[in-house]
C-alpha atoms as a PDB file:
ATOM      1  CA  MET A   1     232.286 196.381 -25.750  1.00  0.00           C
ATOM      2  CA  PRO A   2     235.414 197.708 -27.444  1.00  0.00           C
ATOM      3  CA  GLN A   3     234.913 200.461 -29.948  1.00  0.00           C
ATOM      4  CA  TYR A   4     236.422 198.535 -32.860  1.00  0.00           C
ATOM      5  CA  LYS A   5     233.953 195.645 -32.350  1.00  0.00           C
ATOM      6  CA  THR A   6     230.975 198.021 -32.355  1.00  0.00           C
ATOM      7  CA  THR A   7     232.160 199.669 -35.557  1.00  0.00           C
ATOM      8  CA  ALA A   8     232.742 196.305 -37.247  1.00  0.00           C
ATOM      9  CA  LEU A   9     229.243 195.143 -36.257  1.00  0.00           C
ATOM     10  CA  VAL A  10     227.680 198.273 -37.705  1.00  0.00           C
ATOM     11  CA  ARG A  11     229.634 197.831 -40.904  1.00  0.00           C
ATOM     12  CA  ARG A  12     228.522 194.207 -41.252  1.00  0.00           C
ATOM     13  CA  LYS A  13     224.876 195.174 -40.726  1.00  0.00           C
ATOM     14  CA  ARG A  14     225.171 197.969 -43.251  1.00  0.00           C
ATOM     15  CA  PHE A  15     226.870 195.615 -45.731  1.00  0.00           C
ATOM     16  CA  ARG A  16     224.092 193.033 -45.351  1.00  0.00           C
ATOM     17  CA  MET A  17     221.447 195.760 -45.820  1.00  0.00           C
ATOM     18  CA  TYR A  18     223.098 197.031 -49.006  1.00  0.00           C
ATOM     19  CA  LEU A  19     223.495 193.474 -50.250  1.00  0.00           C
ATOM     20  CA  ARG A  20     219.777 192.756 -49.704  1.00  0.00           C
ATOM     21  CA  MET A  21     218.874 195.973 -51.514  1.00  0.00           C
ATOM     22  CA  ILE A  22     221.113 195.112 -54.465  1.00  0.00           C
ATOM     23  CA  LEU A  23     219.774 191.562 -54.637  1.00  0.00           C
ATOM     24  CA  SER A  24     216.188 192.864 -54.447  1.00  0.00           C
ATOM     25  CA  VAL A  25     216.824 195.280 -57.310  1.00  0.00           C
ATOM     26  CA  ILE A  26     218.430 192.529 -59.363  1.00  0.00           C
ATOM     27  CA  PHE A  27     215.510 190.214 -58.588  1.00  0.00           C
ATOM     28  CA  VAL A  28     212.895 192.799 -59.587  1.00  0.00           C
ATOM     29  CA  ALA A  29     214.847 193.711 -62.708  1.00  0.00           C
ATOM     30  CA  ALA A  30     215.078 190.036 -63.648  1.00  0.00           C
ATOM     31  CA  ILE A  31     211.331 189.601 -63.222  1.00  0.00           C
ATOM     32  CA  VAL A  32     210.559 192.731 -65.253  1.00  0.00           C
ATOM     33  CA  PHE A  33     213.035 191.799 -67.971  1.00  0.00           C
ATOM     34  CA  GLY A  34     211.770 188.230 -68.052  1.00  0.00           C
ATOM     35  CA  THR A  35     208.169 189.444 -68.204  1.00  0.00           C
ATOM     36  CA  HIS A  36     209.125 191.819 -70.983  1.00  0.00           C
ATOM     37  CA  LEU A  37     210.701 189.033 -73.005  1.00  0.00           C
ATOM     38  CA  GLY A  38     207.902 186.596 -72.284  1.00  0.00           C
ATOM     39  CA  SER A  39     205.019 188.991 -72.987  1.00  0.00           C
ATOM     40  CA  ASN A  40     206.533 190.090 -76.295  1.00  0.00           C
ATOM     41  CA  ALA A  41     207.650 186.668 -77.503  1.00  0.00           C
ATOM     42  CA  ALA A  42     206.183 185.758 -80.871  1.00  0.00           C
ATOM     43  CA  SER A  43     205.078 182.358 -79.584  1.00  0.00           C
ATOM     44  CA  VAL A  44     202.532 183.870 -77.148  1.00  0.00           C
ATOM     45  CA  GLN A  45     201.152 186.696 -79.299  1.00  0.00           C
ATOM     46  CA  ILE A  46     197.450 186.565 -80.168  1.00  0.00           C
ATOM     47  CA  GLU A  47     197.165 185.693 -83.841  1.00  0.00           C
ATOM     48  CA  THR A  48     193.437 185.317 -84.426  1.00  0.00           C
ATOM     49  CA  VAL A  49     190.641 187.744 -83.507  1.00  0.00           C
ATOM     50  CA  ASN A  50     187.133 186.376 -84.091  1.00  0.00           C
ATOM     51  CA  ILE A  51     184.342 188.958 -84.115  1.00  0.00           C
ATOM     52  CA  SER A  52     180.660 188.037 -83.984  1.00  0.00           C
ATOM     53  CA  GLY A  53     177.265 189.658 -83.442  1.00  0.00           C
ATOM     54  CA  ASN A  54     178.046 192.959 -85.165  1.00  0.00           C
ATOM     55  CA  LYS A  55     175.651 194.221 -87.837  1.00  0.00           C
ATOM     56  CA  TYR A  56     176.073 197.981 -87.761  1.00  0.00           C
ATOM     57  CA  LEU A  57     179.627 198.144 -86.396  1.00  0.00           C
ATOM     58  CA  THR A  58     182.146 196.888 -88.962  1.00  0.00           C
ATOM     59  CA  SER A  59     184.628 194.151 -88.069  1.00  0.00           C
ATOM     60  CA  ASP A  60     187.498 196.357 -89.249  1.00  0.00           C
ATOM     61  CA  PHE A  61     186.434 199.025 -86.757  1.00  0.00           C
ATOM     62  CA  VAL A  62     186.442 196.471 -83.907  1.00  0.00           C
ATOM     63  CA  ARG A  63     189.871 195.152 -84.954  1.00  0.00           C
ATOM     64  CA  ASN A  64     191.255 198.686 -85.034  1.00  0.00           C
ATOM     65  CA  ILE A  65     190.159 199.217 -81.431  1.00  0.00           C
ATOM     66  CA  PHE A  66     191.704 195.865 -80.486  1.00  0.00           C
ATOM     67  CA  ASP A  67     194.998 196.776 -82.173  1.00  0.00           C
ATOM     68  CA  GLU A  68     194.986 200.230 -80.587  1.00  0.00           C
ATOM     69  CA  LEU A  69     194.568 198.913 -77.042  1.00  0.00           C
ATOM     70  CA  THR A  70     196.961 195.980 -77.374  1.00  0.00           C
ATOM     71  CA  SER A  71     199.701 198.036 -79.025  1.00  0.00           C
ATOM     72  CA  ASP A  72     200.300 199.962 -75.805  1.00  0.00           C
ATOM     73  CA  LYS A  73     202.816 198.425 -73.400  1.00  0.00           C
ATOM     74  CA  LEU A  74     202.438 198.377 -69.638  1.00  0.00           C
ATOM     75  CA  PHE A  75     205.243 200.453 -68.095  1.00  0.00           C
ATOM     76  CA  TYR A  76     206.579 200.792 -71.669  1.00  0.00           C
ATOM     77  CA  LEU A  77     207.905 197.226 -71.416  1.00  0.00           C
ATOM     78  CA  ILE A  78     205.185 194.597 -71.058  1.00  0.00           C
ATOM     79  CA  GLY A  79     203.228 193.634 -74.162  1.00  0.00           C
ATOM     80  CA  GLN A  80     199.443 193.231 -73.841  1.00  0.00           C
ATOM     81  CA  LYS A  81     198.721 191.197 -76.946  1.00  0.00           C
ATOM     82  CA  ASN A  82     198.777 187.909 -75.073  1.00  0.00           C
ATOM     83  CA  ILE A  83     196.535 185.791 -72.843  1.00  0.00           C
ATOM     84  CA  VAL A  84     198.011 187.123 -69.573  1.00  0.00           C
ATOM     85  CA  PHE A  85     198.002 190.879 -70.105  1.00  0.00           C
ATOM     86  CA  LEU A  86     195.207 191.263 -72.664  1.00  0.00           C
ATOM     87  CA  PRO A  87     193.105 194.275 -71.457  1.00  0.00           C
ATOM     88  CA  ARG A  88     189.811 192.431 -71.780  1.00  0.00           C
ATOM     89  CA  GLU A  89     187.755 194.639 -69.482  1.00  0.00           C
ATOM     90  CA  GLN A  90     189.129 197.823 -71.022  1.00  0.00           C
ATOM     91  CA  LEU A  91     188.439 196.497 -74.523  1.00  0.00           C
ATOM     92  CA  ALA A  92     184.839 195.579 -73.631  1.00  0.00           C
ATOM     93  CA  LYS A  93     184.189 199.005 -72.076  1.00  0.00           C
ATOM     94  CA  ARG A  94     185.731 200.763 -75.065  1.00  0.00           C
ATOM     95  CA  LEU A  95     183.417 198.894 -77.440  1.00  0.00           C
ATOM     96  CA  GLU A  96     180.382 199.595 -75.247  1.00  0.00           C
ATOM     97  CA  GLN A  97     181.043 203.302 -75.680  1.00  0.00           C
ATOM     98  CA  GLU A  98     180.055 202.951 -79.334  1.00  0.00           C
ATOM     99  CA  LEU A  99     176.407 203.883 -79.912  1.00  0.00           C
ATOM    100  CA  PRO A 100     175.300 200.708 -81.742  1.00  0.00           C
ATOM    101  CA  VAL A 101     176.713 198.470 -78.977  1.00  0.00           C
ATOM    102  CA  ASP A 102     174.649 197.391 -75.989  1.00  0.00           C
ATOM    103  CA  ARG A 103     177.190 194.942 -74.510  1.00  0.00           C
ATOM    104  CA  ALA A 104     180.537 193.425 -75.490  1.00  0.00           C
ATOM    105  CA  TYR A 105     182.268 190.258 -74.303  1.00  0.00           C
ATOM    106  CA  VAL A 106     185.947 189.398 -74.749  1.00  0.00           C
ATOM    107  CA  ARG A 107     187.007 185.772 -74.230  1.00  0.00           C
ATOM    108  CA  MET A 108     190.171 183.791 -74.901  1.00  0.00           C
ATOM    109  CA  ARG A 109     189.929 180.674 -77.081  1.00  0.00           C
ATOM    110  CA  GLY A 110     193.201 178.919 -76.368  1.00  0.00           C
ATOM    111  CA  LEU A 111     196.536 180.713 -76.070  1.00  0.00           C
ATOM    112  CA  ARG A 112     196.562 182.631 -79.341  1.00  0.00           C
ATOM    113  CA  GLU A 113     192.933 183.234 -80.227  1.00  0.00           C
ATOM    114  CA  VAL A 114     190.494 185.795 -78.845  1.00  0.00           C
ATOM    115  CA  SER A 115     186.732 185.968 -79.365  1.00  0.00           C
ATOM    116  CA  ILE A 116     184.937 189.326 -79.310  1.00  0.00           C
ATOM    117  CA  GLU A 117     181.150 189.058 -79.138  1.00  0.00           C
ATOM    118  CA  ILE A 118     179.199 192.221 -79.879  1.00  0.00           C
ATOM    119  CA  VAL A 119     175.591 192.565 -78.700  1.00  0.00           C
ATOM    120  CA  GLU A 120     174.075 195.503 -80.519  1.00  0.00           C
ATOM    121  CA  HIS A 121     170.871 197.359 -79.745  1.00  0.00           C
ATOM    122  CA  GLU A 122     167.813 195.846 -81.362  1.00  0.00           C
ATOM    123  CA  PRO A 123     165.822 198.356 -83.439  1.00  0.00           C
ATOM    124  CA  TRP A 124     162.277 198.925 -82.211  1.00  0.00           C
ATOM    125  CA  GLY A 125     161.384 201.972 -84.238  1.00  0.00           C
ATOM    126  CA  ILE A 126     162.703 204.344 -86.878  1.00  0.00           C
ATOM    127  CA  TRP A 127     162.866 208.141 -86.712  1.00  0.00           C
ATOM    128  CA  CYS A 128     163.350 210.277 -89.821  1.00  0.00           C
ATOM    129  CA  LYS A 129     163.952 213.917 -90.476  1.00  0.00           C
ATOM    130  CA  ALA A 130     161.032 215.821 -91.956  1.00  0.00           C
ATOM    131  CA  GLY A 131     160.441 214.857 -95.563  1.00  0.00           C
ATOM    132  CA  ALA A 132     162.753 211.841 -95.538  1.00  0.00           C
ATOM    133  CA  ALA A 133     161.627 208.520 -97.001  1.00  0.00           C
ATOM    134  CA  VAL A 134     161.549 205.711 -94.443  1.00  0.00           C
ATOM    135  CA  ALA A 135     161.835 202.442 -96.319  1.00  0.00           C
ATOM    136  CA  GLY A 136     165.371 201.653 -97.394  1.00  0.00           C
ATOM    137  CA  SER A 137     166.383 205.312 -97.730  1.00  0.00           C
ATOM    138  CA  GLY A 138     170.017 204.902 -96.700  1.00  0.00           C
ATOM    139  CA  ASN A 139     170.451 208.664 -96.964  1.00  0.00           C
ATOM    140  CA  ASN A 140     171.475 209.484 -93.370  1.00  0.00           C
ATOM    141  CA  ASP A 141     168.089 211.101 -92.755  1.00  0.00           C
ATOM    142  CA  CYS A 142     166.643 208.149 -90.824  1.00  0.00           C
ATOM    143  CA  TYR A 143     167.834 206.549 -87.601  1.00  0.00           C
ATOM    144  CA  LEU A 144     167.061 203.312 -85.815  1.00  0.00           C
ATOM    145  CA  VAL A 145     165.654 203.601 -82.302  1.00  0.00           C
ATOM    146  CA  ASN A 146     165.949 200.994 -79.536  1.00  0.00           C
ATOM    147  CA  LYS A 147     163.420 200.162 -76.794  1.00  0.00           C
ATOM    148  CA  ASP A 148     164.747 202.970 -74.595  1.00  0.00           C
ATOM    149  CA  GLY A 149     164.164 205.575 -77.282  1.00  0.00           C
ATOM    150  CA  LEU A 150     167.859 205.950 -78.167  1.00  0.00           C
ATOM    151  CA  LEU A 151     168.662 206.879 -81.773  1.00  0.00           C
ATOM    152  CA  PHE A 152     171.683 204.613 -81.954  1.00  0.00           C
ATOM    153  CA  VAL A 153     172.620 204.284 -85.630  1.00  0.00           C
ATOM    154  CA  GLY A 154     171.761 205.595 -89.065  1.00  0.00           C
ATOM    155  CA  ALA A 155     169.164 203.432 -90.776  1.00  0.00           C
ATOM    156  CA  PRO A 156     170.656 201.026 -93.333  1.00  0.00           C
ATOM    157  CA  GLY A 157     169.764 201.133 -97.000  1.00  0.00           C
ATOM    158  CA  PHE A 158     167.510 198.098 -96.745  1.00  0.00           C
ATOM    159  CA  ILE A 159     164.048 197.631 -95.274  1.00  0.00           C
ATOM    160  CA  ILE A 160     163.712 196.325 -91.705  1.00  0.00           C
ATOM    161  CA  GLU A 161     160.254 194.889 -91.164  1.00  0.00           C
ATOM    162  CA  ASN A 162     157.812 195.811 -88.384  1.00  0.00           C
ATOM    163  CA  LEU A 163     159.559 198.972 -87.186  1.00  0.00           C
ATOM    164  CA  ILE A 164     157.288 201.647 -85.765  1.00  0.00           C
ATOM    165  CA  LYS A 165     157.664 205.034 -87.411  1.00  0.00           C
ATOM    166  CA  LEU A 166     158.400 207.788 -84.893  1.00  0.00           C
ATOM    167  CA  GLU A 167     157.811 211.491 -85.391  1.00  0.00           C
ATOM    168  CA  SER A 168     158.890 214.368 -83.141  1.00  0.00           C
ATOM    169  CA  LYS A 169     161.136 217.409 -83.128  1.00  0.00           C
ATOM    170  CA  ILE A 170     164.676 216.675 -81.960  1.00  0.00           C
ATOM    171  CA  GLU A 171     166.911 219.662 -81.379  1.00  0.00           C
ATOM    172  CA  GLY A 172     170.677 219.526 -81.904  1.00  0.00           C
ATOM    173  CA  GLU A 173     172.642 216.368 -82.651  1.00  0.00           C
ATOM    174  CA  VAL A 174     170.305 213.550 -83.645  1.00  0.00           C
ATOM    175  CA  LEU A 175     172.579 210.517 -83.355  1.00  0.00           C
ATOM    176  CA  GLY A 176     172.784 209.569 -79.678  1.00  0.00           C
ATOM    177  CA  ALA A 177     169.705 211.597 -78.776  1.00  0.00           C
ATOM    178  CA  TYR A 178     166.528 210.173 -77.215  1.00  0.00           C
ATOM    179  CA  TYR A 179     163.119 210.376 -78.833  1.00  0.00           C
ATOM    180  CA  VAL A 180     161.675 211.307 -75.418  1.00  0.00           C
ATOM    181  CA  GLU A 181     162.729 210.637 -71.847  1.00  0.00           C
ATOM    182  CA  LYS A 182     163.588 206.995 -71.312  1.00  0.00           C
ATOM    183  CA  ASN A 183     160.824 206.277 -68.753  1.00  0.00           C
ATOM    184  CA  VAL A 184     158.200 207.835 -71.046  1.00  0.00           C
ATOM    185  CA  PHE A 185     159.389 205.823 -74.031  1.00  0.00           C
ATOM    186  CA  ASN A 186     159.390 202.623 -71.970  1.00  0.00           C
ATOM    187  CA  ARG A 187     155.694 203.247 -71.234  1.00  0.00           C
ATOM    188  CA  LEU A 188     154.972 203.722 -74.931  1.00  0.00           C
ATOM    189  CA  VAL A 189     156.752 200.448 -75.697  1.00  0.00           C
ATOM    190  CA  LEU A 190     154.669 198.648 -73.068  1.00  0.00           C
ATOM    191  CA  ILE A 191     151.442 200.206 -74.378  1.00  0.00           C
ATOM    192  CA  GLU A 192     152.305 198.943 -77.873  1.00  0.00           C
ATOM    193  CA  LYS A 193     152.942 195.460 -76.495  1.00  0.00           C
ATOM    194  CA  LEU A 194     149.685 195.340 -74.505  1.00  0.00           C
ATOM    195  CA  LEU A 195     147.657 196.602 -77.457  1.00  0.00           C
ATOM    196  CA  HIS A 196     149.221 193.959 -79.679  1.00  0.00           C
ATOM    197  CA  GLN A 197     147.873 191.336 -77.265  1.00  0.00           C
ATOM    198  CA  ILE A 198     144.333 192.500 -78.027  1.00  0.00           C
ATOM    199  CA  ASN A 199     145.040 192.465 -81.783  1.00  0.00           C
ATOM    200  CA  ILE A 200     145.603 196.194 -82.210  1.00  0.00           C
ATOM    201  CA  SER A 201     148.833 197.031 -84.021  1.00  0.00           C
ATOM    202  CA  ILE A 202     150.581 200.403 -83.875  1.00  0.00           C
ATOM    203  CA  ALA A 203     152.212 201.702 -87.063  1.00  0.00           C
ATOM    204  CA  GLU A 204     153.311 205.199 -86.029  1.00  0.00           C
ATOM    205  CA  ILE A 205     153.813 207.324 -82.916  1.00  0.00           C
ATOM    206  CA  LYS A 206     153.808 211.097 -83.158  1.00  0.00           C
ATOM    207  CA  THR A 207     154.120 213.964 -80.686  1.00  0.00           C
ATOM    208  CA  ASP A 208     154.423 217.713 -81.030  1.00  0.00           C
ATOM    209  CA  ASP A 209     154.813 218.655 -77.376  1.00  0.00           C
ATOM    210  CA  LEU A 210     156.358 215.485 -75.815  1.00  0.00           C
ATOM    211  CA  GLU A 211     153.291 215.241 -73.573  1.00  0.00           C
ATOM    212  CA  THR A 212     150.450 214.029 -75.788  1.00  0.00           C
ATOM    213  CA  PHE A 213     151.253 211.121 -78.089  1.00  0.00           C
ATOM    214  CA  ILE A 214     149.255 210.037 -81.115  1.00  0.00           C
ATOM    215  CA  LEU A 215     149.468 206.293 -81.740  1.00  0.00           C
ATOM    216  CA  LYS A 216     148.347 205.528 -85.268  1.00  0.00           C
ATOM    217  CA  THR A 217     146.952 202.014 -85.579  1.00  0.00           C
ATOM    218  CA  LYS A 218     147.241 199.895 -88.694  1.00  0.00           C
ATOM    219  CA  ASN A 219     144.004 200.318 -90.687  1.00  0.00           C
ATOM    220  CA  GLY A 220     142.332 201.942 -87.709  1.00  0.00           C
ATOM    221  CA  PRO A 221     141.933 205.137 -85.674  1.00  0.00           C
ATOM    222  CA  ASN A 222     144.531 207.238 -83.901  1.00  0.00           C
ATOM    223  CA  LEU A 223     144.863 206.628 -80.162  1.00  0.00           C
ATOM    224  CA  LEU A 224     145.627 209.592 -77.898  1.00  0.00           C
ATOM    225  CA  VAL A 225     147.650 209.011 -74.718  1.00  0.00           C
ATOM    226  CA  ASP A 226     149.589 211.200 -72.291  1.00  0.00           C
ATOM    227  CA  ASP A 227     153.236 210.888 -71.302  1.00  0.00           C
ATOM    228  CA  ASN A 228     152.368 209.762 -67.750  1.00  0.00           C
ATOM    229  CA  ASP A 229     149.523 207.358 -68.563  1.00  0.00           C
ATOM    230  CA  ASP A 230     149.722 203.890 -67.060  1.00  0.00           C
ATOM    231  CA  PRO A 231     150.110 201.361 -69.927  1.00  0.00           C
ATOM    232  CA  LEU A 232     147.875 198.736 -68.310  1.00  0.00           C
ATOM    233  CA  GLU A 233     145.100 201.266 -67.706  1.00  0.00           C
ATOM    234  CA  VAL A 234     145.347 202.490 -71.309  1.00  0.00           C
ATOM    235  CA  ALA A 235     145.019 198.966 -72.717  1.00  0.00           C
ATOM    236  CA  ASN A 236     142.211 197.991 -70.336  1.00  0.00           C
ATOM    237  CA  ASN A 237     140.396 201.267 -70.993  1.00  0.00           C
ATOM    238  CA  LEU A 238     140.430 200.696 -74.740  1.00  0.00           C
ATOM    239  CA  LYS A 239     139.471 197.037 -74.433  1.00  0.00           C
ATOM    240  CA  THR A 240     136.560 197.843 -72.103  1.00  0.00           C
ATOM    241  CA  THR A 241     135.347 200.658 -74.357  1.00  0.00           C
ATOM    242  CA  LEU A 242     135.346 198.437 -77.442  1.00  0.00           C
ATOM    243  CA  GLU A 243     133.488 195.684 -75.594  1.00  0.00           C
ATOM    244  CA  GLN A 244     130.879 197.979 -74.001  1.00  0.00           C
ATOM    245  CA  GLU A 245     130.229 199.824 -77.234  1.00  0.00           C
ATOM    246  CA  SER A 246     130.169 196.538 -79.180  1.00  0.00           C
ATOM    247  CA  ILE A 247     132.564 197.954 -81.733  1.00  0.00           C
ATOM    248  CA  HIS A 248     133.611 195.190 -84.099  1.00  0.00           C
ATOM    249  CA  LYS A 249     136.570 195.181 -86.498  1.00  0.00           C
ATOM    250  CA  ILE A 250     134.882 197.076 -89.341  1.00  0.00           C
ATOM    251  CA  GLN A 251     133.477 199.717 -87.013  1.00  0.00           C
ATOM    252  CA  PHE A 252     136.844 200.143 -85.350  1.00  0.00           C
ATOM    253  CA  SER A 253     138.470 200.934 -88.694  1.00  0.00           C
ATOM    254  CA  ASN A 254     135.846 203.647 -89.260  1.00  0.00           C
ATOM    255  CA  LEU A 255     136.750 205.533 -86.090  1.00  0.00           C
ATOM    256  CA  GLU A 256     138.798 208.700 -86.526  1.00  0.00           C
ATOM    257  CA  TYR A 257     140.362 208.662 -83.066  1.00  0.00           C
ATOM    258  CA  VAL A 258     140.000 207.267 -79.560  1.00  0.00           C
ATOM    259  CA  ASP A 259     141.066 209.557 -76.716  1.00  0.00           C
ATOM    260  CA  LEU A 260     142.445 207.453 -73.851  1.00  0.00           C
ATOM    261  CA  ARG A 261     143.857 210.264 -71.737  1.00  0.00           C
ATOM    262  CA  PHE A 262     141.085 210.071 -69.137  1.00  0.00           C
ATOM    263  CA  ALA A 263     141.065 207.408 -66.410  1.00  0.00           C
ATOM    264  CA  GLY A 264     138.203 204.929 -66.655  1.00  0.00           C
ATOM    265  CA  LYS A 265     136.681 206.380 -69.812  1.00  0.00           C
ATOM    266  CA  ALA A 266     137.411 206.914 -73.479  1.00  0.00           C
ATOM    267  CA  TYR A 267     136.102 209.315 -76.059  1.00  0.00           C
ATOM    268  CA  TYR A 268     135.972 208.454 -79.723  1.00  0.00           C
ATOM    269  CA  LYS A 269     134.892 210.047 -82.964  1.00  0.00           C
ATOM    270  CA  ILE A 270     133.454 208.312 -85.976  1.00  0.00           C
ATOM    271  CA  LYS A 271     134.712 209.412 -89.400  1.00  0.00           C
END
């Protein structure tokens, strides 16, 4: 093949390669520019943010997080305050980092409306600093505790019924701390539930060493349990003891304590 034909062929191939590269760049640029215009167009921007389920976390706080996350632009060009690029998963995770929040769900309602559902921890008990009043104190000395033993929010200034009063020493930062280890607290919660089924209600739980727990019953004796006691055995042990000793309601209220820390037996003291 003559030299000039080979050179011309190489030039044509090179020209076609450069042309494809230029067209590809133009195509990508057009897509990016079009996406930029489309994602930032006023007609597709989310206008309404509906927030539900929050009691301890304010709606303004949730909206601020929403505005913060949606104000950032992907690659400094693409707006996120729209149905396509809304960072729903990131928004939900950001909200779930807040102590009062157990779960968060972000859903679109049409093209310009978003629904944020907050599921907060349910209070099971209340822990207060030494000397603090429990009922409706609102003085940042009391904290609500969920079923895992997490102190997740300062207690509000109004009374929440049927919360169990918790006492223990907590070192360091209180908010976000655990009353005891989660698995231990879960056992205490189950013990309370099983005792309630046999008409024994717990009003307070106290511990000094995080190993022995004193469960104060309503109008009755203190119950002593250990941190590793099996909840079902504790409940059955107490039930069996009351039945075998024929202790009726009035007698039960005259007991000072019932020690349930021993398998298959219980010791009690009369006032």
